[in-house]
């Protein structure tokens, strides 16, 4: 081109759009495409103007996320009771993008009265807005149909779906031992009170239906009230700990329970689903000894639960406690740690005796590859306060056993999440596909 020669006029009509293909072929990280547009009379002073008063301008097109990308981030949203993500559970009804920058998500809940609907909405918005190009997210809700619920039950191997009673419970801790007489209930009662002292909202569920003792140890008795929503209201013990036990529903004090498997299953399920637990940081469940019906029922109903194993130092107790831990692992439940109770006795003169042996709790923790959360010494005051319904951690917080229990409670806090499960990581194995012939549901 000769000096002073004018550029040829553009061949595309005024106001048309022309993509600069040379920019789209650039190497390196992907960028949003540029668009070249002709606009009449928009040249700035000092800039050349194309023929006809048109000047070039560049517009960046907003990236649009794919449905697969939206589904991927929605896998971070967890159902707090089923502990699986809402995508694999089939709870994402639809994903639509009616206009640039906006994503509409429809979530199907298992129950119309879900008490944490707002938390689901917050989690969906929080995750979807991390995608490039998303400026606004709207979340709608409906309820799974009867057929969809039945299909989900088959996937999960459950006889029913939770109704939201535990949706506001951040952590469920099952306290088990495999055998009786190791101080499991004493530990449960004192840990619930200690967690409350540490500023956490705690509750205790007495699932030891045959050997119920939590009401005596926490000093709470009576008949629970029923709310306007037909939910059982837990009784409140020392320090604000909420409590539910089979004792509260018996006609006589210290009445014996002679129920078998189906009745036990129904009672435990009612304690979990028909009780208004409200917002809790920790629900501690005192399991019966052994690995029988109640433990298996809880393992099936509470996939989000963690197990806390209580043992004494002696090998006999340690080996039986290991079986309880093995049961939890078979149901893909996480073991939070081990408590060694009756770890030693110290006389007023300072002499220490290992009456039940030594080191069994650490050996069990090492075998399970979990932390030893506490070593509670053998102390008469711990037993006396439990019998009188006054937890030692409240009655004498400076006592050696109380200090050990506070140390354990702080270890539990450090090892567990402090947010609702909708923003936690999923637990357990992936949700399987439904195969074979559907069996009739009870």
Protein backbone atom coordinates (compact mmCIF):
# COMPACT_ATOMS: atom_id res chain seq x y z
CA UNK A 1 0.00 0.00 0.00
CA UNK A 2 1.39 3.39 -1.00
CA UNK A 3 1.90 6.13 1.59
CA UNK A 4 -1.24 8.17 2.04
CA UNK A 5 -3.44 5.58 0.38
CA UNK A 6 -6.84 5.19 2.12
CA UNK A 7 -7.85 1.89 3.67
CA UNK A 8 -10.52 0.07 1.69
CA UNK A 9 -14.04 0.34 3.12
CA UNK A 10 -15.30 -2.67 5.10
CA UNK A 11 -17.46 -5.06 3.13
CA UNK A 12 -19.86 -6.01 5.94
CA UNK A 13 -23.01 -3.88 6.48
CA UNK A 14 -23.12 -1.26 9.20
CA UNK A 15 -24.11 -2.63 12.60
CA UNK A 16 -23.21 -6.22 11.68
CA UNK A 17 -21.11 -8.53 13.87
CA UNK A 18 -17.89 -10.10 12.72
CA UNK A 19 -15.87 -12.62 14.83
CA UNK A 20 -12.12 -12.18 14.74
CA UNK A 21 -11.10 -15.77 14.05
CA UNK A 22 -7.42 -14.96 14.50
CA UNK A 23 -8.09 -14.19 18.18
CA UNK A 24 -9.91 -17.47 18.73
CA UNK A 25 -6.86 -19.40 17.51
CA UNK A 26 -4.51 -18.01 20.13
CA UNK A 27 -2.56 -20.41 22.30
CA UNK A 28 -2.52 -20.51 26.08
CA UNK A 29 -5.43 -20.38 28.54
CA UNK A 30 -8.89 -20.23 27.00
CA UNK A 31 -10.48 -16.79 26.94
CA UNK A 32 -13.92 -15.51 26.18
CA UNK A 33 -14.19 -14.68 22.42
CA UNK A 34 -14.01 -11.09 21.25
CA UNK A 35 -16.61 -9.69 18.90
CA UNK A 36 -15.86 -6.91 16.40
CA UNK A 37 -18.81 -4.56 15.91
CA UNK A 38 -19.22 -1.55 13.62
CA UNK A 39 -20.86 1.38 15.35
CA UNK A 40 -21.50 4.67 13.54
CA UNK A 41 -19.77 7.75 14.93
CA UNK A 42 -18.16 6.21 18.00
CA UNK A 43 -14.51 7.06 17.28
CA UNK A 44 -12.70 8.84 20.07
CA UNK A 45 -10.72 12.03 19.36
CA UNK A 46 -7.32 11.29 17.95
CA UNK A 47 -8.34 7.84 16.66
CA UNK A 48 -8.79 6.99 13.01
CA UNK A 49 -12.35 6.60 11.80
CA UNK A 50 -13.32 4.10 9.15
CA UNK A 51 -15.17 5.25 6.06
CA UNK A 52 -18.72 6.37 6.75
CA UNK A 53 -17.91 7.49 10.33
CA UNK A 54 -17.77 3.96 11.70
CA UNK A 55 -15.20 2.94 14.30
CA UNK A 56 -14.38 -0.52 15.65
CA UNK A 57 -15.21 -1.60 19.20
CA UNK A 58 -14.61 -4.90 21.00
CA UNK A 59 -17.16 -6.71 23.18
CA UNK A 60 -16.35 -9.71 25.40
CA UNK A 61 -18.97 -12.48 25.24
CA UNK A 62 -19.90 -14.01 28.62
CA UNK A 63 -19.05 -17.71 29.00
CA UNK A 64 -22.05 -19.99 29.46
CA UNK A 65 -21.65 -23.00 31.81
CA UNK A 66 -22.79 -26.37 30.54
CA UNK A 67 -25.36 -28.52 32.33
CA UNK A 68 -22.56 -30.95 33.17
CA UNK A 69 -20.57 -28.17 34.85
CA UNK A 70 -23.59 -27.12 36.93
CA UNK A 71 -24.21 -30.74 37.94
CA UNK A 72 -20.58 -31.11 38.94
CA UNK A 73 -20.66 -28.20 41.41
CA UNK A 74 -24.04 -29.37 42.74
CA UNK A 75 -22.30 -32.57 43.86
CA UNK A 76 -20.91 -30.45 46.69
CA UNK A 77 -24.44 -30.01 48.11
CA UNK A 78 -25.10 -32.80 50.61
CA UNK A 79 -28.38 -34.09 52.01
CA UNK A 80 -27.67 -33.80 55.77
CA UNK A 81 -29.48 -36.99 56.74
CA UNK A 82 -28.63 -39.28 53.84
CA UNK A 83 -25.07 -37.86 53.63
CA UNK A 84 -24.97 -38.14 49.83
CA UNK A 85 -24.88 -35.40 47.24
CA UNK A 86 -28.17 -34.26 45.72
CA UNK A 87 -27.09 -35.17 42.18
CA UNK A 88 -26.40 -38.86 42.86
CA UNK A 89 -29.58 -39.00 44.97
CA UNK A 90 -31.60 -37.82 41.96
CA UNK A 91 -32.81 -34.71 43.79
CA UNK A 92 -31.86 -32.25 41.02
CA UNK A 93 -35.09 -32.04 39.01
CA UNK A 94 -33.95 -29.57 36.37
CA UNK A 95 -31.28 -27.05 35.39
CA UNK A 96 -32.25 -24.20 33.06
CA UNK A 97 -30.56 -21.04 31.77
CA UNK A 98 -33.39 -18.75 30.60
CA UNK A 99 -31.04 -15.83 29.95
CA UNK A 100 -27.27 -15.14 29.92
CA UNK A 101 -25.78 -15.11 33.38
CA UNK A 102 -28.78 -16.74 35.06
CA UNK A 103 -29.17 -20.38 36.18
CA UNK A 104 -32.42 -21.84 37.54
CA UNK A 105 -32.15 -25.05 39.61
CA UNK A 106 -35.12 -27.14 40.76
CA UNK A 107 -34.40 -29.38 43.77
CA UNK A 108 -36.73 -32.23 44.80
CA UNK A 109 -36.89 -32.77 48.56
CA UNK A 110 -37.78 -35.99 50.37
CA UNK A 111 -40.33 -34.21 52.57
CA UNK A 112 -42.45 -31.09 51.93
CA UNK A 113 -41.73 -29.66 55.38
CA UNK A 114 -37.93 -29.81 55.11
CA UNK A 115 -36.66 -27.63 58.00
CA UNK A 116 -33.41 -26.69 56.24
CA UNK A 117 -34.79 -25.64 52.86
CA UNK A 118 -33.03 -22.29 53.24
CA UNK A 119 -29.72 -24.07 53.85
CA UNK A 120 -30.20 -26.11 50.67
CA UNK A 121 -30.90 -22.88 48.78
CA UNK A 122 -27.80 -21.22 50.23
CA UNK A 123 -25.59 -24.20 49.33
CA UNK A 124 -26.88 -24.36 45.75
CA UNK A 125 -26.41 -20.63 45.19
CA UNK A 126 -22.98 -20.66 46.83
CA UNK A 127 -21.68 -23.44 44.58
CA UNK A 128 -23.29 -22.53 41.25
CA UNK A 129 -22.13 -18.91 41.42
CA UNK A 130 -18.52 -20.14 41.42
CA UNK A 131 -18.94 -20.94 37.70
CA UNK A 132 -17.72 -18.39 35.17
CA UNK A 133 -20.50 -16.36 33.63
CA UNK A 134 -23.07 -17.03 36.37
CA UNK A 135 -24.38 -13.81 37.93
CA UNK A 136 -27.72 -14.95 39.33
CA UNK A 137 -29.02 -18.28 40.64
CA UNK A 138 -32.63 -19.03 41.51
CA UNK A 139 -33.58 -22.18 43.40
CA UNK A 140 -37.00 -23.80 43.36
CA UNK A 141 -38.26 -26.78 45.35
CA UNK A 142 -40.71 -29.61 44.88
CA UNK A 143 -41.11 -33.05 46.49
CA UNK A 144 -40.11 -36.45 45.14
CA UNK A 145 -43.06 -38.50 43.93
CA UNK A 146 -44.01 -41.76 45.65
CA UNK A 147 -42.36 -43.75 42.84
CA UNK A 148 -39.18 -41.66 43.06
CA UNK A 149 -39.04 -42.11 46.82
CA UNK A 150 -39.43 -45.87 46.47
CA UNK A 151 -36.64 -45.95 43.88
CA UNK A 152 -34.37 -43.95 46.18
CA UNK A 153 -35.16 -46.29 49.07
CA UNK A 154 -34.09 -49.23 46.90
CA UNK A 155 -30.86 -47.48 45.96
CA UNK A 156 -30.01 -46.82 49.58
CA UNK A 157 -31.28 -50.13 50.93
CA UNK A 158 -33.66 -48.41 53.35
CA UNK A 159 -37.25 -49.14 54.32
CA UNK A 160 -38.04 -45.42 54.42
CA UNK A 161 -36.58 -41.96 53.97
CA UNK A 162 -35.86 -39.46 56.77
CA UNK A 163 -38.40 -36.74 57.40
CA UNK A 164 -36.02 -33.98 58.41
CA UNK A 165 -35.93 -34.45 62.19
CA UNK A 166 -32.12 -34.58 62.22
CA UNK A 167 -31.58 -32.09 59.40
CA UNK A 168 -30.34 -29.40 61.81
CA UNK A 169 -28.02 -31.74 63.72
CA UNK A 170 -24.43 -31.10 62.70
CA UNK A 171 -22.88 -34.24 64.23
CA UNK A 172 -24.29 -37.58 65.37
CA UNK A 173 -21.93 -39.53 67.65
CA UNK A 174 -22.78 -43.15 68.53
CA UNK A 175 -21.03 -44.21 71.74
CA UNK A 176 -20.47 -47.98 71.78
CA UNK A 177 -18.35 -50.52 73.57
CA UNK A 178 -19.17 -54.03 72.39
CA UNK A 179 -19.62 -55.15 76.01
CA UNK A 180 -21.21 -53.83 79.18
CA UNK A 181 -19.54 -52.54 82.32
CA UNK A 182 -16.87 -50.34 80.75
CA UNK A 183 -18.51 -46.99 81.58
CA UNK A 184 -20.05 -46.22 78.20
CA UNK A 185 -23.19 -44.55 79.60
CA UNK A 186 -21.18 -42.59 82.17
CA UNK A 187 -18.96 -41.32 79.38
CA UNK A 188 -21.97 -40.39 77.21
CA UNK A 189 -23.70 -38.42 79.97
CA UNK A 190 -20.57 -36.52 80.99
CA UNK A 191 -19.48 -35.83 77.41
CA UNK A 192 -22.88 -34.35 76.58
CA UNK A 193 -22.60 -32.05 79.61
CA UNK A 194 -18.97 -31.21 78.80
CA UNK A 195 -19.82 -30.30 75.20
CA UNK A 196 -22.56 -28.01 76.51
CA UNK A 197 -20.03 -26.32 78.82
CA UNK A 198 -17.73 -25.87 75.82
CA UNK A 199 -20.44 -23.79 74.15
CA UNK A 200 -21.95 -26.51 71.94
CA UNK A 201 -25.63 -27.44 71.80
CA UNK A 202 -25.67 -31.11 72.85
CA UNK A 203 -28.26 -33.82 73.38
CA UNK A 204 -28.21 -37.43 74.58
CA UNK A 205 -30.36 -40.23 73.15
CA UNK A 206 -30.56 -43.32 75.34
CA UNK A 207 -30.67 -46.14 72.78
CA UNK A 208 -29.78 -48.78 75.37
CA UNK A 209 -33.42 -49.81 75.53
CA UNK A 210 -32.88 -52.76 77.88
CA UNK A 211 -30.37 -51.07 80.19
CA UNK A 212 -31.50 -47.44 80.05
CA UNK A 213 -29.52 -45.31 82.52
CA UNK A 214 -28.96 -41.90 80.92
CA UNK A 215 -31.95 -40.29 82.76
CA UNK A 216 -30.53 -41.32 86.14
CA UNK A 217 -27.02 -40.11 85.27
CA UNK A 218 -28.23 -36.75 83.99
CA UNK A 219 -30.85 -36.37 86.71
CA UNK A 220 -33.84 -35.89 84.44
CA UNK A 221 -37.18 -37.72 84.69
CA UNK A 222 -40.73 -37.12 83.54
CA UNK A 223 -43.04 -37.39 80.55
CA UNK A 224 -42.17 -35.39 77.38
CA UNK A 225 -44.64 -32.93 75.89
CA UNK A 226 -45.83 -33.01 72.26
CA UNK A 227 -45.52 -29.94 70.04
CA UNK A 228 -48.21 -28.48 67.78
CA UNK A 229 -46.49 -30.28 64.91
CA UNK A 230 -47.00 -33.60 66.75
CA UNK A 231 -43.30 -33.93 67.56
CA UNK A 232 -41.96 -35.19 70.89
CA UNK A 233 -40.13 -32.48 72.83
CA UNK A 234 -37.00 -33.76 74.65
CA UNK A 235 -36.63 -33.15 78.35
CA UNK A 236 -33.84 -30.83 79.45
CA UNK A 237 -31.18 -31.90 81.95
CA UNK A 238 -28.45 -30.05 83.84
CA UNK A 239 -26.70 -27.42 81.78
CA UNK A 240 -29.31 -27.49 79.00
CA UNK A 241 -28.61 -30.97 77.60
CA UNK A 242 -31.64 -32.38 75.76
CA UNK A 243 -32.49 -35.99 76.62
CA UNK A 244 -34.73 -38.74 75.25
CA UNK A 245 -34.96 -42.23 76.76
CA UNK A 246 -37.39 -45.12 76.76
CA UNK A 247 -37.79 -44.50 80.50
CA UNK A 248 -39.83 -41.38 79.74
CA UNK A 249 -42.57 -43.50 78.14
CA UNK A 250 -42.90 -46.30 80.71
CA UNK A 251 -45.73 -46.60 83.20
CA UNK A 252 -43.54 -47.77 86.08
CA UNK A 253 -40.13 -46.75 87.33
CA UNK A 254 -37.35 -49.20 86.41
CA UNK A 255 -39.81 -51.23 84.33
CA UNK A 256 -38.15 -54.09 82.43
CA UNK A 257 -38.22 -54.04 78.61
CA UNK A 258 -38.71 -57.37 76.86
CA UNK A 259 -38.97 -56.20 73.27
CA UNK A 260 -37.50 -58.06 70.32
CA UNK A 261 -36.03 -56.86 67.03
CA UNK A 262 -39.05 -55.29 65.24
CA UNK A 263 -40.20 -53.39 68.35
CA UNK A 264 -36.68 -52.17 69.02
CA UNK A 265 -36.34 -50.98 65.44
CA UNK A 266 -39.64 -49.10 65.64
CA UNK A 267 -38.75 -47.46 68.96
CA UNK A 268 -35.30 -46.31 67.81
CA UNK A 269 -36.72 -44.99 64.56
CA UNK A 270 -39.37 -43.04 66.46
CA UNK A 271 -36.71 -41.52 68.74
CA UNK A 272 -34.85 -40.31 65.67
CA UNK A 273 -37.70 -39.16 63.42
CA UNK A 274 -40.54 -38.17 65.76
CA UNK A 275 -38.51 -36.07 68.19
CA UNK A 276 -38.05 -32.34 67.68
CA UNK A 277 -34.29 -32.20 68.25
CA UNK A 278 -33.99 -28.68 66.84
CA UNK A 279 -30.57 -27.19 66.12
CA UNK A 280 -27.78 -29.25 67.65
CA UNK A 281 -24.03 -29.32 67.35
CA UNK A 282 -23.91 -32.86 68.78
CA UNK A 283 -26.38 -35.68 69.31
CA UNK A 284 -24.73 -38.39 71.42
CA UNK A 285 -26.38 -41.80 71.20
CA UNK A 286 -25.72 -44.28 74.01
CA UNK A 287 -25.71 -47.68 72.32
CA UNK A 288 -26.50 -50.98 74.04
CA UNK A 289 -23.61 -53.41 74.51
CA UNK A 290 -22.82 -55.74 71.65
CA UNK A 291 -23.43 -55.56 67.91
CA UNK A 292 -27.09 -56.57 67.73
CA UNK A 293 -30.38 -55.18 66.44
CA UNK A 294 -30.13 -51.64 67.79
CA UNK A 295 -26.61 -51.05 66.51
CA UNK A 296 -27.53 -52.32 63.04
CA UNK A 297 -30.73 -50.25 62.97
CA UNK A 298 -28.84 -47.08 63.86
CA UNK A 299 -26.16 -47.84 61.31
CA UNK A 300 -28.81 -48.09 58.59
CA UNK A 301 -30.77 -45.02 59.69
CA UNK A 302 -27.78 -42.79 60.38
CA UNK A 303 -25.26 -42.92 57.52
CA UNK A 304 -23.89 -39.59 58.75
CA UNK A 305 -23.04 -40.91 62.23
CA UNK A 306 -19.57 -41.33 63.69
CA UNK A 307 -18.68 -44.02 66.23
CA UNK A 308 -16.88 -43.38 69.50
CA UNK A 309 -15.50 -46.59 71.05
CA UNK A 310 -15.22 -46.91 74.86
CA UNK A 311 -12.97 -49.58 76.33
CA UNK A 312 -11.04 -50.37 79.48
CA UNK A 313 -7.29 -51.06 79.27
CA UNK A 314 -7.60 -54.83 79.72
CA UNK A 315 -7.22 -57.03 76.62
CA UNK A 316 -10.61 -58.74 77.09
CA UNK A 317 -12.49 -55.43 76.81
CA UNK A 318 -10.22 -54.16 74.06
CA UNK A 319 -10.85 -57.21 71.84
CA UNK A 320 -14.63 -56.98 72.27
CA UNK A 321 -14.57 -53.23 71.57
CA UNK A 322 -12.70 -54.01 68.37
CA UNK A 323 -15.70 -56.08 67.23
CA UNK A 324 -17.99 -53.09 67.77
CA UNK A 325 -15.64 -51.01 65.67
CA UNK A 326 -15.65 -53.68 62.98
CA UNK A 327 -19.45 -53.52 62.85
CA UNK A 328 -19.31 -49.76 62.29
CA UNK A 329 -16.78 -50.17 59.49
CA UNK A 330 -18.94 -52.80 57.78
CA UNK A 331 -21.67 -50.15 57.50
CA UNK A 332 -19.16 -47.59 56.19
CA UNK A 333 -19.47 -45.47 59.34
CA UNK A 334 -16.52 -43.38 60.43
CA UNK A 335 -14.86 -44.09 63.78
CA UNK A 336 -14.13 -40.78 65.52
CA UNK A 337 -11.80 -42.19 68.15
CA UNK A 338 -11.31 -44.28 71.28
CA UNK A 339 -11.84 -43.48 74.97
CA UNK A 340 -9.95 -45.54 77.55
CA UNK A 341 -11.99 -45.59 80.75
CA UNK A 342 -10.75 -46.78 84.17
CA UNK A 343 -7.21 -46.21 82.92
CA UNK A 344 -5.70 -46.17 86.40
CA UNK A 345 -6.41 -45.43 90.07
CA UNK A 346 -4.44 -42.90 92.08
CA UNK A 347 -4.65 -42.97 95.87
CA UNK A 348 -4.78 -39.81 98.02
CA UNK A 349 -1.12 -40.44 98.79
CA UNK A 350 -0.28 -40.29 95.08
CA UNK A 351 0.31 -43.99 94.45
CA UNK A 352 -1.04 -45.16 91.09
CA UNK A 353 -2.41 -48.64 90.42
CA UNK A 354 -3.35 -50.03 87.00
CA UNK A 355 -6.19 -52.21 88.27
CA UNK A 356 -7.52 -53.01 84.78
CA UNK A 357 -4.17 -53.09 83.05
CA UNK A 358 -2.62 -50.40 80.91
CA UNK A 359 -2.31 -49.39 77.28
CA UNK A 360 -5.35 -51.21 75.87
CA UNK A 361 -6.99 -48.02 74.62
CA UNK A 362 -3.87 -46.94 72.75
CA UNK A 363 -3.47 -50.41 71.22
CA UNK A 364 -7.08 -50.32 69.98
CA UNK A 365 -6.67 -46.79 68.60
CA UNK A 366 -3.50 -47.83 66.78
CA UNK A 367 -5.23 -50.92 65.38
CA UNK A 368 -8.11 -48.81 64.05
CA UNK A 369 -5.82 -45.94 62.99
CA UNK A 370 -7.88 -43.41 64.94
CA UNK A 371 -6.95 -41.03 67.78
CA UNK A 372 -7.08 -41.97 71.45
CA UNK A 373 -9.27 -39.06 72.54
CA UNK A 374 -9.01 -39.54 76.29
CA UNK A 375 -7.83 -41.67 79.21
CA UNK A 376 -10.34 -41.35 82.06
CA UNK A 377 -8.92 -42.42 85.45
CA UNK A 378 -10.81 -44.62 87.88
CA UNK A 379 -12.33 -42.18 90.38
CA UNK A 380 -15.04 -42.82 92.95
CA UNK A 381 -16.56 -39.35 92.54
CA UNK A 382 -17.33 -40.10 88.89
CA UNK A 383 -19.46 -43.07 89.93
CA UNK A 384 -21.11 -41.24 92.85
CA UNK A 385 -22.11 -38.25 90.73
CA UNK A 386 -23.54 -40.54 88.03
CA UNK A 387 -25.67 -42.38 90.59
CA UNK A 388 -26.96 -39.08 91.98
CA UNK A 389 -27.73 -37.52 88.60
CA UNK A 390 -25.03 -34.86 88.79
CA UNK A 391 -22.42 -35.16 86.01
CA UNK A 392 -18.93 -34.85 87.45
CA UNK A 393 -17.91 -32.37 84.74
CA UNK A 394 -20.51 -29.97 86.19
CA UNK A 395 -20.17 -30.88 89.86
CA UNK A 396 -16.36 -30.80 90.10
CA UNK A 397 -14.81 -29.74 86.78
CA UNK A 398 -11.30 -29.77 88.27
CA UNK A 399 -11.43 -33.44 89.26
CA UNK A 400 -8.95 -35.63 87.32
CA UNK A 401 -11.72 -37.68 85.67
CA UNK A 402 -13.63 -34.52 84.75
CA UNK A 403 -10.51 -32.98 83.22
CA UNK A 404 -9.97 -36.14 81.15
CA UNK A 405 -13.58 -35.97 79.92
CA UNK A 406 -13.22 -32.29 79.01
CA UNK A 407 -10.06 -33.19 77.09
CA UNK A 408 -12.06 -35.87 75.25
CA UNK A 409 -14.88 -33.43 74.46
CA UNK A 410 -12.39 -30.94 72.99
CA UNK A 411 -10.90 -33.75 70.92
CA UNK A 412 -14.36 -34.55 69.54
CA UNK A 413 -14.89 -30.89 68.63
CA UNK A 414 -11.53 -30.76 66.86
CA UNK A 415 -12.27 -33.95 64.90
CA UNK A 416 -15.77 -33.06 63.70
CA UNK A 417 -17.19 -30.39 61.35
CA UNK A 418 -18.81 -27.30 62.82
CA UNK A 419 -21.21 -26.62 59.95
CA UNK A 420 -24.41 -28.18 58.69
CA UNK A 421 -24.00 -31.22 56.47
CA UNK A 422 -25.27 -29.47 53.32
CA UNK A 423 -21.78 -28.00 53.01
CA UNK A 424 -19.84 -31.00 54.33
CA UNK A 425 -18.26 -33.73 52.25
CA UNK A 426 -20.38 -36.81 51.41
CA UNK A 427 -19.68 -40.00 53.36
CA UNK A 428 -19.95 -43.70 52.69
CA UNK A 429 -19.90 -45.53 49.35
CA UNK A 430 -21.43 -44.05 46.17
CA UNK A 431 -25.17 -44.48 45.68
CA UNK A 432 -25.62 -47.72 43.67
CA UNK A 433 -27.89 -48.15 40.71
CA UNK A 434 -31.14 -50.08 41.23
CA UNK A 435 -30.82 -53.61 39.84
CA UNK A 436 -32.89 -56.78 39.96
CA UNK A 437 -36.53 -57.15 40.91
CA UNK A 438 -38.01 -54.67 43.35
CA UNK A 439 -39.19 -56.26 46.58
CA UNK A 440 -42.45 -55.14 48.20
CA UNK A 441 -41.87 -52.40 50.75
CA UNK A 442 -43.19 -52.87 54.28
